[in-house]
Amino acid sequence: MGHEAWQMIGRTPSYIVAVRPLRKGAITDFEVTQRMIRLLLQRVGVSRLNRPRVVICVPSAITAVERRAVTEAARRAGAADARLIEQPVAAAIGADLPINEPIGNMVVDIGGGTTESALISLGGVVALEAVRVGSFDIDNAIQGYIRREYGIAIGERTAEEIKIVLGSAYPTDGEVSAEVRGRELMSGLPKTVVLTPDEVRVAIEEPVTAMVDSVVSCLAQAPPELAQDLIVQGVHLVGGGGMLGGMDLRLTVESDVPVRRVNSPLESVVLGAGKVIEHYESVQAIFMDDAGGGRRRR
């Protein structure tokens, strides 16, 4: 599971299969998801005797059926109670934003399968825009570009490395080219090509544009009073996809609102979930209703 499984992708014999039980924020394999949650609970010392309360961060865009599937998987894995919280809300809590005050706090969470923009005030979501486009789509776009332009097949891990080393949403200082190794489709032999940051920007333009458009769309929904706050407070960028080079600059240019990456973009959602667990009884109002009625009301 996790990093150990990621290192195996593309390097395993045919009888070992790497599975992503969650895709685009929804469960694609219920049994494997249940086993993954059970394994996580075992790693933190949970047994049959001490069934814990669990908080799970989910995309705002998931349906009532998907919400029920997530909570059911957690309960079958050994949780006494499983409650859901929207990822942008958890990210705002993890980034120490004053979400319970009457000011506008906007969070853009770019995850593996989804991009969510949420305007939060007084502990609730005022405006929300979510698209099922994320970091994995950027990886796929890089794979497709190299296949089309150079006739070379590369794996998921190589595509992610290219994204981290060369990928950017906006031109930045100190850009360098890099060698990319893959298998030539015509001959089947290994081949090396040199890839530039400009090429990678072209390759990933479609998913990046979809992300940027969703952020701009969310900003357009902001009430005038809260829109004023955003000019002062800025927009907070979280999630692994938010670490893409120049993403904050691209969003700033496209929206005319300052966009800042938070200190721990990769961990902010899970840090927020941890704070929610610590104050479980006092934050009941922000949990989603897994039965399909949206957010629980005070």
C-alpha atoms as a PDB file:
ATOM      1  CA  MET A   1       0.000   0.000   0.000  1.00  0.00           C
ATOM      2  CA  GLY A   2       1.060   3.588  -0.540  1.00  0.00           C
ATOM      3  CA  HIS A   3       4.673   4.319  -1.478  1.00  0.00           C
ATOM      4  CA  GLU A   4       5.621   0.616  -1.532  1.00  0.00           C
ATOM      5  CA  ALA A   5       2.813  -0.125  -4.015  1.00  0.00           C
ATOM      6  CA  TRP A   6       3.678   2.961  -6.099  1.00  0.00           C
ATOM      7  CA  GLN A   7       7.266   1.737  -6.542  1.00  0.00           C
ATOM      8  CA  MET A   8       5.912  -1.560  -7.942  1.00  0.00           C
ATOM      9  CA  ILE A   9       3.805   0.025 -10.706  1.00  0.00           C
ATOM     10  CA  GLY A  10       5.045  -1.067 -14.142  1.00  0.00           C
ATOM     11  CA  ARG A  11       7.647  -3.396 -12.597  1.00  0.00           C
ATOM     12  CA  THR A  12       5.580  -6.417 -11.549  1.00  0.00           C
ATOM     13  CA  PRO A  13       4.971  -9.887 -13.014  1.00  0.00           C
ATOM     14  CA  SER A  14       1.558 -10.495 -14.554  1.00  0.00           C
ATOM     15  CA  TYR A  15       0.070 -12.056 -11.408  1.00  0.00           C
ATOM     16  CA  ILE A  16       0.643  -8.879  -9.346  1.00  0.00           C
ATOM     17  CA  VAL A  17      -1.723  -6.025 -10.202  1.00  0.00           C
ATOM     18  CA  ALA A  18      -1.550  -2.481  -8.825  1.00  0.00           C
ATOM     19  CA  VAL A  19      -5.068  -1.208  -8.072  1.00  0.00           C
ATOM     20  CA  ARG A  20      -6.334   2.304  -7.313  1.00  0.00           C
ATOM     21  CA  PRO A  21      -9.546   1.566  -5.381  1.00  0.00           C
ATOM     22  CA  LEU A  22     -10.520   5.259  -5.513  1.00  0.00           C
ATOM     23  CA  ARG A  23     -10.689   7.104  -8.824  1.00  0.00           C
ATOM     24  CA  LYS A  24     -11.919  10.655  -9.380  1.00  0.00           C
ATOM     25  CA  GLY A  25     -12.868  10.761  -5.687  1.00  0.00           C
ATOM     26  CA  ALA A  26     -15.243   7.771  -5.931  1.00  0.00           C
ATOM     27  CA  ILE A  27     -14.844   4.102  -5.012  1.00  0.00           C
ATOM     28  CA  THR A  28     -14.103   1.897  -8.028  1.00  0.00           C
ATOM     29  CA  ASP A  29     -13.419  -1.289  -6.052  1.00  0.00           C
ATOM     30  CA  PHE A  30     -15.438  -1.606  -2.844  1.00  0.00           C
ATOM     31  CA  GLU A  31     -13.667  -4.702  -1.504  1.00  0.00           C
ATOM     32  CA  VAL A  32     -10.148  -3.311  -2.009  1.00  0.00           C
ATOM     33  CA  THR A  33     -11.177   0.034  -0.475  1.00  0.00           C
ATOM     34  CA  GLN A  34     -12.488  -1.809   2.583  1.00  0.00           C
ATOM     35  CA  ARG A  35      -9.245  -3.802   2.876  1.00  0.00           C
ATOM     36  CA  MET A  36      -7.180  -0.623   2.491  1.00  0.00           C
ATOM     37  CA  ILE A  37      -9.079   1.134   5.297  1.00  0.00           C
ATOM     38  CA  ARG A  38      -8.738  -1.972   7.490  1.00  0.00           C
ATOM     39  CA  LEU A  39      -4.969  -1.983   6.840  1.00  0.00           C
ATOM     40  CA  LEU A  40      -4.755   1.716   7.774  1.00  0.00           C
ATOM     41  CA  LEU A  41      -6.642   1.059  11.006  1.00  0.00           C
ATOM     42  CA  GLN A  42      -4.323  -1.865  11.831  1.00  0.00           C
ATOM     43  CA  ARG A  43      -1.266   0.330  11.293  1.00  0.00           C
ATOM     44  CA  VAL A  44      -2.450   2.747  13.976  1.00  0.00           C
ATOM     45  CA  GLY A  45      -3.110  -0.073  16.433  1.00  0.00           C
ATOM     46  CA  VAL A  46      -6.868  -0.548  16.095  1.00  0.00           C
ATOM     47  CA  SER A  47      -8.236  -3.998  16.970  1.00  0.00           C
ATOM     48  CA  ARG A  48     -11.664  -5.628  17.228  1.00  0.00           C
ATOM     49  CA  LEU A  49     -11.886  -4.409  20.813  1.00  0.00           C
ATOM     50  CA  ASN A  50     -11.346  -0.667  20.224  1.00  0.00           C
ATOM     51  CA  ARG A  51     -13.458   0.380  17.259  1.00  0.00           C
ATOM     52  CA  PRO A  52     -12.573   4.016  16.499  1.00  0.00           C
ATOM     53  CA  ARG A  53     -14.525   6.982  15.209  1.00  0.00           C
ATOM     54  CA  VAL A  54     -13.316   7.834  11.721  1.00  0.00           C
ATOM     55  CA  VAL A  55     -13.430  11.079   9.731  1.00  0.00           C
ATOM     56  CA  ILE A  56     -12.983  10.694   5.974  1.00  0.00           C
ATOM     57  CA  CYS A  57     -12.303  13.621   3.640  1.00  0.00           C
ATOM     58  CA  VAL A  58     -14.193  13.319   0.357  1.00  0.00           C
ATOM     59  CA  PRO A  59     -14.646  15.519  -2.733  1.00  0.00           C
ATOM     60  CA  SER A  60     -17.607  17.901  -2.515  1.00  0.00           C
ATOM     61  CA  ALA A  61     -18.862  16.633  -5.872  1.00  0.00           C
ATOM     62  CA  ILE A  62     -19.527  13.016  -4.858  1.00  0.00           C
ATOM     63  CA  THR A  63     -23.098  11.766  -4.993  1.00  0.00           C
ATOM     64  CA  ALA A  64     -25.254  10.441  -2.154  1.00  0.00           C
ATOM     65  CA  VAL A  65     -24.669   6.864  -3.367  1.00  0.00           C
ATOM     66  CA  GLU A  66     -20.893   7.418  -3.363  1.00  0.00           C
ATOM     67  CA  ARG A  67     -21.090   8.949   0.136  1.00  0.00           C
ATOM     68  CA  ARG A  68     -22.921   5.890   1.457  1.00  0.00           C
ATOM     69  CA  ALA A  69     -20.352   3.593  -0.187  1.00  0.00           C
ATOM     70  CA  VAL A  70     -17.450   5.351   1.560  1.00  0.00           C
ATOM     71  CA  THR A  71     -19.047   5.269   5.037  1.00  0.00           C
ATOM     72  CA  GLU A  72     -20.145   1.646   4.556  1.00  0.00           C
ATOM     73  CA  ALA A  73     -16.591   0.618   3.567  1.00  0.00           C
ATOM     74  CA  ALA A  74     -15.189   2.307   6.702  1.00  0.00           C
ATOM     75  CA  ARG A  75     -17.744   0.683   9.003  1.00  0.00           C
ATOM     76  CA  ARG A  76     -17.162  -2.775   7.541  1.00  0.00           C
ATOM     77  CA  ALA A  77     -13.417  -2.239   7.955  1.00  0.00           C
ATOM     78  CA  GLY A  78     -13.882  -1.773  11.702  1.00  0.00           C
ATOM     79  CA  ALA A  79     -14.913   1.842  12.353  1.00  0.00           C
ATOM     80  CA  ALA A  80     -17.521   2.396  15.070  1.00  0.00           C
ATOM     81  CA  ASP A  81     -18.686   5.587  13.368  1.00  0.00           C
ATOM     82  CA  ALA A  82     -17.629   7.101  10.039  1.00  0.00           C
ATOM     83  CA  ARG A  83     -18.367  10.715   9.190  1.00  0.00           C
ATOM     84  CA  LEU A  84     -17.542  12.629   6.038  1.00  0.00           C
ATOM     85  CA  ILE A  85     -16.125  16.111   5.615  1.00  0.00           C
ATOM     86  CA  GLU A  86     -15.576  17.991   2.364  1.00  0.00           C
ATOM     87  CA  GLN A  87     -11.929  18.194   1.353  1.00  0.00           C
ATOM     88  CA  PRO A  88     -11.820  22.003   0.871  1.00  0.00           C
ATOM     89  CA  VAL A  89     -13.266  22.520   4.381  1.00  0.00           C
ATOM     90  CA  ALA A  90     -10.727  20.090   5.877  1.00  0.00           C
ATOM     91  CA  ALA A  91      -7.928  21.821   3.916  1.00  0.00           C
ATOM     92  CA  ALA A  92      -9.003  25.242   5.243  1.00  0.00           C
ATOM     93  CA  ILE A  93      -8.957  23.908   8.818  1.00  0.00           C
ATOM     94  CA  GLY A  94      -5.557  22.290   8.228  1.00  0.00           C
ATOM     95  CA  ALA A  95      -4.180  25.554   6.815  1.00  0.00           C
ATOM     96  CA  ASP A  96      -5.360  27.409   9.980  1.00  0.00           C
ATOM     97  CA  LEU A  97      -7.762  29.676   8.086  1.00  0.00           C
ATOM     98  CA  PRO A  98     -10.378  31.502  10.218  1.00  0.00           C
ATOM     99  CA  ILE A  99     -13.326  29.644   8.642  1.00  0.00           C
ATOM    100  CA  ASN A 100     -15.747  30.392  11.491  1.00  0.00           C
ATOM    101  CA  GLU A 101     -15.382  34.165  11.166  1.00  0.00           C
ATOM    102  CA  PRO A 102     -17.605  36.276   8.863  1.00  0.00           C
ATOM    103  CA  ILE A 103     -14.874  36.762   6.259  1.00  0.00           C
ATOM    104  CA  GLY A 104     -14.275  35.055   2.918  1.00  0.00           C
ATOM    105  CA  ASN A 105     -11.715  32.235   2.869  1.00  0.00           C
ATOM    106  CA  MET A 106     -11.205  30.608  -0.511  1.00  0.00           C
ATOM    107  CA  VAL A 107      -9.430  27.271  -0.867  1.00  0.00           C
ATOM    108  CA  VAL A 108      -8.410  25.624  -4.139  1.00  0.00           C
ATOM    109  CA  ASP A 109      -7.672  21.916  -3.572  1.00  0.00           C
ATOM    110  CA  ILE A 110      -6.053  20.151  -6.532  1.00  0.00           C
ATOM    111  CA  GLY A 111      -5.949  16.449  -5.747  1.00  0.00           C
ATOM    112  CA  GLY A 112      -5.164  13.336  -7.759  1.00  0.00           C
ATOM    113  CA  GLY A 113      -8.594  13.007  -9.344  1.00  0.00           C
ATOM    114  CA  THR A 114     -10.504  16.206  -8.553  1.00  0.00           C
ATOM    115  CA  THR A 115     -10.034  19.977  -8.372  1.00  0.00           C
ATOM    116  CA  GLU A 116     -12.260  21.800  -5.916  1.00  0.00           C
ATOM    117  CA  SER A 117     -12.632  25.506  -5.273  1.00  0.00           C
ATOM    118  CA  ALA A 118     -14.647  26.510  -2.220  1.00  0.00           C
ATOM    119  CA  LEU A 119     -15.455  29.888  -0.698  1.00  0.00           C
ATOM    120  CA  ILE A 120     -15.967  29.397   3.038  1.00  0.00           C
ATOM    121  CA  SER A 121     -17.427  31.802   5.595  1.00  0.00           C
ATOM    122  CA  LEU A 122     -18.948  31.281   9.060  1.00  0.00           C
ATOM    123  CA  GLY A 123     -18.069  27.575   8.982  1.00  0.00           C
ATOM    124  CA  GLY A 124     -20.007  26.851   5.772  1.00  0.00           C
ATOM    125  CA  VAL A 125     -19.432  26.706   2.025  1.00  0.00           C
ATOM    126  CA  VAL A 126     -20.831  29.805   0.301  1.00  0.00           C
ATOM    127  CA  ALA A 127     -19.728  28.972  -3.260  1.00  0.00           C
ATOM    128  CA  LEU A 128     -18.339  25.767  -4.688  1.00  0.00           C
ATOM    129  CA  GLU A 129     -17.006  24.604  -8.027  1.00  0.00           C
ATOM    130  CA  ALA A 130     -15.656  21.087  -8.537  1.00  0.00           C
ATOM    131  CA  VAL A 131     -14.356  19.269 -11.606  1.00  0.00           C
ATOM    132  CA  ARG A 132     -13.158  15.688 -11.845  1.00  0.00           C
ATOM    133  CA  VAL A 133      -9.775  16.713 -13.238  1.00  0.00           C
ATOM    134  CA  GLY A 134      -6.602  16.377 -11.180  1.00  0.00           C
ATOM    135  CA  SER A 135      -2.933  15.415 -11.072  1.00  0.00           C
ATOM    136  CA  PHE A 136      -3.502  11.989 -12.626  1.00  0.00           C
ATOM    137  CA  ASP A 137      -4.970  13.728 -15.691  1.00  0.00           C
ATOM    138  CA  ILE A 138      -1.755  15.757 -15.987  1.00  0.00           C
ATOM    139  CA  ASP A 139       0.268  12.513 -15.881  1.00  0.00           C
ATOM    140  CA  ASN A 140      -1.970  10.985 -18.567  1.00  0.00           C
ATOM    141  CA  ALA A 141      -1.608  14.104 -20.745  1.00  0.00           C
ATOM    142  CA  ILE A 142       2.204  13.827 -20.553  1.00  0.00           C
ATOM    143  CA  GLN A 143       2.068  10.137 -21.501  1.00  0.00           C
ATOM    144  CA  GLY A 144      -0.233  10.901 -24.456  1.00  0.00           C
ATOM    145  CA  TYR A 145       1.942  13.791 -25.702  1.00  0.00           C
ATOM    146  CA  ILE A 146       5.176  11.749 -25.713  1.00  0.00           C
ATOM    147  CA  ARG A 147       3.383   8.862 -27.441  1.00  0.00           C
ATOM    148  CA  ARG A 148       2.001  11.207 -30.166  1.00  0.00           C
ATOM    149  CA  GLU A 149       5.038  13.422 -30.721  1.00  0.00           C
ATOM    150  CA  TYR A 150       7.909  10.958 -30.271  1.00  0.00           C
ATOM    151  CA  GLY A 151       6.285   7.527 -30.704  1.00  0.00           C
ATOM    152  CA  ILE A 152       7.549   6.506 -27.271  1.00  0.00           C
ATOM    153  CA  ALA A 153       5.609   4.778 -24.490  1.00  0.00           C
ATOM    154  CA  ILE A 154       6.396   5.773 -20.895  1.00  0.00           C
ATOM    155  CA  GLY A 155       4.930   4.514 -17.625  1.00  0.00           C
ATOM    156  CA  GLU A 156       2.878   6.287 -14.956  1.00  0.00           C
ATOM    157  CA  ARG A 157       5.884   6.737 -12.665  1.00  0.00           C
ATOM    158  CA  THR A 158       8.001   8.295 -15.416  1.00  0.00           C
ATOM    159  CA  ALA A 159       5.126  10.649 -16.326  1.00  0.00           C
ATOM    160  CA  GLU A 160       4.883  11.795 -12.707  1.00  0.00           C
ATOM    161  CA  GLU A 161       8.647  12.365 -12.516  1.00  0.00           C
ATOM    162  CA  ILE A 162       8.456  14.499 -15.684  1.00  0.00           C
ATOM    163  CA  LYS A 163       5.591  16.483 -14.115  1.00  0.00           C
ATOM    164  CA  ILE A 164       7.603  17.126 -10.931  1.00  0.00           C
ATOM    165  CA  VAL A 165      10.893  17.998 -12.677  1.00  0.00           C
ATOM    166  CA  LEU A 166       9.705  19.785 -15.853  1.00  0.00           C
ATOM    167  CA  GLY A 167       5.998  20.452 -15.364  1.00  0.00           C
ATOM    168  CA  SER A 168       4.682  23.978 -14.900  1.00  0.00           C
ATOM    169  CA  ALA A 169       1.465  25.882 -15.493  1.00  0.00           C
ATOM    170  CA  TYR A 170       3.277  29.177 -16.150  1.00  0.00           C
ATOM    171  CA  PRO A 171       6.831  30.067 -17.276  1.00  0.00           C
ATOM    172  CA  THR A 172       9.199  30.258 -14.288  1.00  0.00           C
ATOM    173  CA  ASP A 173      12.881  31.110 -13.754  1.00  0.00           C
ATOM    174  CA  GLY A 174      15.637  28.529 -14.004  1.00  0.00           C
ATOM    175  CA  GLU A 175      13.870  26.077 -16.314  1.00  0.00           C
ATOM    176  CA  VAL A 176      15.978  23.205 -17.691  1.00  0.00           C
ATOM    177  CA  SER A 177      15.444  20.407 -20.211  1.00  0.00           C
ATOM    178  CA  ALA A 178      15.694  16.740 -19.229  1.00  0.00           C
ATOM    179  CA  GLU A 179      16.232  13.352 -20.832  1.00  0.00           C
ATOM    180  CA  VAL A 180      13.249  10.993 -20.915  1.00  0.00           C
ATOM    181  CA  ARG A 181      13.673   7.255 -21.417  1.00  0.00           C
ATOM    182  CA  GLY A 182      10.939   4.997 -22.748  1.00  0.00           C
ATOM    183  CA  ARG A 183      10.096   2.241 -25.223  1.00  0.00           C
ATOM    184  CA  GLU A 184       9.828   3.123 -28.907  1.00  0.00           C
ATOM    185  CA  LEU A 185       6.490   1.888 -30.241  1.00  0.00           C
ATOM    186  CA  MET A 186       7.749   1.017 -33.752  1.00  0.00           C
ATOM    187  CA  SER A 187      10.834  -1.018 -32.816  1.00  0.00           C
ATOM    188  CA  GLY A 188      10.003  -1.945 -29.232  1.00  0.00           C
ATOM    189  CA  LEU A 189      13.526  -0.895 -28.209  1.00  0.00           C
ATOM    190  CA  PRO A 190      14.500   1.534 -25.418  1.00  0.00           C
ATOM    191  CA  LYS A 191      14.987   5.117 -26.595  1.00  0.00           C
ATOM    192  CA  THR A 192      15.931   8.454 -25.017  1.00  0.00           C
ATOM    193  CA  VAL A 193      14.565  11.880 -26.005  1.00  0.00           C
ATOM    194  CA  VAL A 194      15.152  15.374 -24.622  1.00  0.00           C
ATOM    195  CA  LEU A 195      12.033  17.153 -23.351  1.00  0.00           C
ATOM    196  CA  THR A 196      11.763  20.895 -22.662  1.00  0.00           C
ATOM    197  CA  PRO A 197       9.527  22.666 -20.101  1.00  0.00           C
ATOM    198  CA  ASP A 198       7.723  24.442 -22.973  1.00  0.00           C
ATOM    199  CA  GLU A 199       6.737  21.088 -24.470  1.00  0.00           C
ATOM    200  CA  VAL A 200       5.420  19.854 -21.127  1.00  0.00           C
ATOM    201  CA  ARG A 201       3.352  23.047 -20.741  1.00  0.00           C
ATOM    202  CA  VAL A 202       1.806  22.381 -24.146  1.00  0.00           C
ATOM    203  CA  ALA A 203       1.160  18.743 -23.194  1.00  0.00           C
ATOM    204  CA  ILE A 204      -0.671  19.572 -19.955  1.00  0.00           C
ATOM    205  CA  GLU A 205      -2.497  22.688 -21.139  1.00  0.00           C
ATOM    206  CA  GLU A 206      -5.905  21.015 -21.401  1.00  0.00           C
ATOM    207  CA  PRO A 207      -6.188  19.694 -17.808  1.00  0.00           C
ATOM    208  CA  VAL A 208      -4.547  22.844 -16.384  1.00  0.00           C
ATOM    209  CA  THR A 209      -7.030  25.061 -18.257  1.00  0.00           C
ATOM    210  CA  ALA A 210      -9.940  23.007 -16.867  1.00  0.00           C
ATOM    211  CA  MET A 211      -8.597  23.546 -13.335  1.00  0.00           C
ATOM    212  CA  VAL A 212      -8.083  27.290 -13.852  1.00  0.00           C
ATOM    213  CA  ASP A 213     -11.558  27.715 -15.379  1.00  0.00           C
ATOM    214  CA  SER A 214     -13.185  26.025 -12.363  1.00  0.00           C
ATOM    215  CA  VAL A 215     -11.381  28.418  -9.979  1.00  0.00           C
ATOM    216  CA  VAL A 216     -12.472  31.459 -12.006  1.00  0.00           C
ATOM    217  CA  SER A 217     -16.040  30.105 -12.094  1.00  0.00           C
ATOM    218  CA  CYS A 218     -16.074  29.769  -8.286  1.00  0.00           C
ATOM    219  CA  LEU A 219     -14.754  33.331  -7.880  1.00  0.00           C
ATOM    220  CA  ALA A 220     -17.579  34.576 -10.131  1.00  0.00           C
ATOM    221  CA  GLN A 221     -20.129  33.090  -7.688  1.00  0.00           C
ATOM    222  CA  ALA A 222     -18.764  35.015  -4.691  1.00  0.00           C
ATOM    223  CA  PRO A 223     -21.132  37.556  -3.087  1.00  0.00           C
ATOM    224  CA  PRO A 224     -19.795  41.134  -3.410  1.00  0.00           C
ATOM    225  CA  GLU A 225     -18.916  41.487   0.294  1.00  0.00           C
ATOM    226  CA  LEU A 226     -16.860  38.301   0.315  1.00  0.00           C
ATOM    227  CA  ALA A 227     -15.286  39.124  -3.055  1.00  0.00           C
ATOM    228  CA  GLN A 228     -13.750  42.199  -1.367  1.00  0.00           C
ATOM    229  CA  ASP A 229     -12.198  39.964   1.295  1.00  0.00           C
ATOM    230  CA  LEU A 230     -10.536  37.784  -1.330  1.00  0.00           C
ATOM    231  CA  ILE A 231      -8.648  40.742  -2.801  1.00  0.00           C
ATOM    232  CA  VAL A 232      -7.090  41.248   0.658  1.00  0.00           C
ATOM    233  CA  GLN A 233      -6.944  37.651   1.942  1.00  0.00           C
ATOM    234  CA  GLY A 234      -6.085  36.032  -1.376  1.00  0.00           C
ATOM    235  CA  VAL A 235      -6.847  32.475  -2.473  1.00  0.00           C
ATOM    236  CA  HIS A 236      -5.127  29.535  -0.737  1.00  0.00           C
ATOM    237  CA  LEU A 237      -3.766  26.726  -2.917  1.00  0.00           C
ATOM    238  CA  VAL A 238      -3.567  23.216  -1.410  1.00  0.00           C
ATOM    239  CA  GLY A 239      -3.206  19.619  -2.570  1.00  0.00           C
ATOM    240  CA  GLY A 240      -0.465  17.782  -4.437  1.00  0.00           C
ATOM    241  CA  GLY A 241      -1.527  19.307  -7.758  1.00  0.00           C
ATOM    242  CA  GLY A 242      -1.137  22.754  -6.215  1.00  0.00           C
ATOM    243  CA  MET A 243       2.605  22.070  -6.057  1.00  0.00           C
ATOM    244  CA  LEU A 244       2.844  22.118  -9.864  1.00  0.00           C
ATOM    245  CA  GLY A 245       5.390  24.795 -10.775  1.00  0.00           C
ATOM    246  CA  GLY A 246       3.863  28.198 -11.551  1.00  0.00           C
ATOM    247  CA  MET A 247       0.295  27.101 -10.706  1.00  0.00           C
ATOM    248  CA  ASP A 248      -0.088  29.954  -8.200  1.00  0.00           C
ATOM    249  CA  LEU A 249       1.231  32.457 -10.790  1.00  0.00           C
ATOM    250  CA  ARG A 250      -1.121  31.149 -13.500  1.00  0.00           C
ATOM    251  CA  LEU A 251      -4.152  31.432 -11.200  1.00  0.00           C
ATOM    252  CA  THR A 252      -3.103  34.930 -10.081  1.00  0.00           C
ATOM    253  CA  VAL A 253      -2.798  36.116 -13.705  1.00  0.00           C
ATOM    254  CA  GLU A 254      -6.093  34.529 -14.817  1.00  0.00           C
ATOM    255  CA  SER A 255      -8.178  35.661 -11.823  1.00  0.00           C
ATOM    256  CA  ASP A 256      -6.608  39.026 -10.862  1.00  0.00           C
ATOM    257  CA  VAL A 257      -6.704  37.794  -7.245  1.00  0.00           C
ATOM    258  CA  PRO A 258      -3.519  36.951  -5.276  1.00  0.00           C
ATOM    259  CA  VAL A 259      -3.072  33.167  -5.000  1.00  0.00           C
ATOM    260  CA  ARG A 260      -0.737  31.729  -2.362  1.00  0.00           C
ATOM    261  CA  ARG A 261       0.400  28.162  -1.822  1.00  0.00           C
ATOM    262  CA  VAL A 262      -0.054  27.133   1.840  1.00  0.00           C
ATOM    263  CA  ASN A 263       2.919  25.893   3.907  1.00  0.00           C
ATOM    264  CA  SER A 264       2.046  22.170   3.724  1.00  0.00           C
ATOM    265  CA  PRO A 265      -0.092  21.789   0.577  1.00  0.00           C
ATOM    266  CA  LEU A 266       0.199  17.995   0.483  1.00  0.00           C
ATOM    267  CA  GLU A 267      -0.779  17.463   4.136  1.00  0.00           C
ATOM    268  CA  SER A 268      -3.296  20.265   4.774  1.00  0.00           C
ATOM    269  CA  VAL A 269      -6.405  18.085   4.175  1.00  0.00           C
ATOM    270  CA  VAL A 270      -5.276  15.316   6.522  1.00  0.00           C
ATOM    271  CA  LEU A 271      -4.086  17.836   9.132  1.00  0.00           C
ATOM    272  CA  GLY A 272      -7.562  19.395   9.016  1.00  0.00           C
ATOM    273  CA  ALA A 273      -9.153  15.961   9.495  1.00  0.00           C
ATOM    274  CA  GLY A 274      -6.927  15.444  12.541  1.00  0.00           C
ATOM    275  CA  LYS A 275      -8.103  18.714  14.084  1.00  0.00           C
ATOM    276  CA  VAL A 276     -11.720  17.727  13.410  1.00  0.00           C
ATOM    277  CA  ILE A 277     -11.175  14.403  15.226  1.00  0.00           C
ATOM    278  CA  GLU A 278      -9.720  16.284  18.216  1.00  0.00           C
ATOM    279  CA  HIS A 279     -12.833  18.499  18.457  1.00  0.00           C
ATOM    280  CA  TYR A 280     -15.288  15.857  17.252  1.00  0.00           C
ATOM    281  CA  GLU A 281     -18.304  16.884  19.349  1.00  0.00           C
ATOM    282  CA  SER A 282     -18.048  20.624  18.701  1.00  0.00           C
ATOM    283  CA  VAL A 283     -17.775  20.430  14.903  1.00  0.00           C
ATOM    284  CA  GLN A 284     -20.824  18.279  14.117  1.00  0.00           C
ATOM    285  CA  ALA A 285     -22.274  21.027  11.900  1.00  0.00           C
ATOM    286  CA  ILE A 286     -19.558  20.702   9.240  1.00  0.00           C
ATOM    287  CA  PHE A 287     -20.007  16.973   8.612  1.00  0.00           C
ATOM    288  CA  MET A 288     -21.720  15.854   5.418  1.00  0.00           C
ATOM    289  CA  ASP A 289     -24.867  13.773   5.672  1.00  0.00           C
ATOM    290  CA  ASP A 290     -23.960  10.388   4.178  1.00  0.00           C
ATOM    291  CA  ALA A 291     -27.668   9.634   3.676  1.00  0.00           C
ATOM    292  CA  GLY A 292     -27.781  12.186   0.876  1.00  0.00           C
ATOM    293  CA  GLY A 293     -29.012  15.434   2.388  1.00  0.00           C
ATOM    294  CA  GLY A 294     -25.893  17.492   1.837  1.00  0.00           C
ATOM    295  CA  ARG A 295     -24.240  19.066   4.871  1.00  0.00           C
ATOM    296  CA  ARG A 296     -25.675  18.648   8.337  1.00  0.00           C
ATOM    297  CA  ARG A 297     -27.255  21.847   9.634  1.00  0.00           C
ATOM    298  CA  ARG A 298     -26.979  23.339  13.083  1.00  0.00           C
END
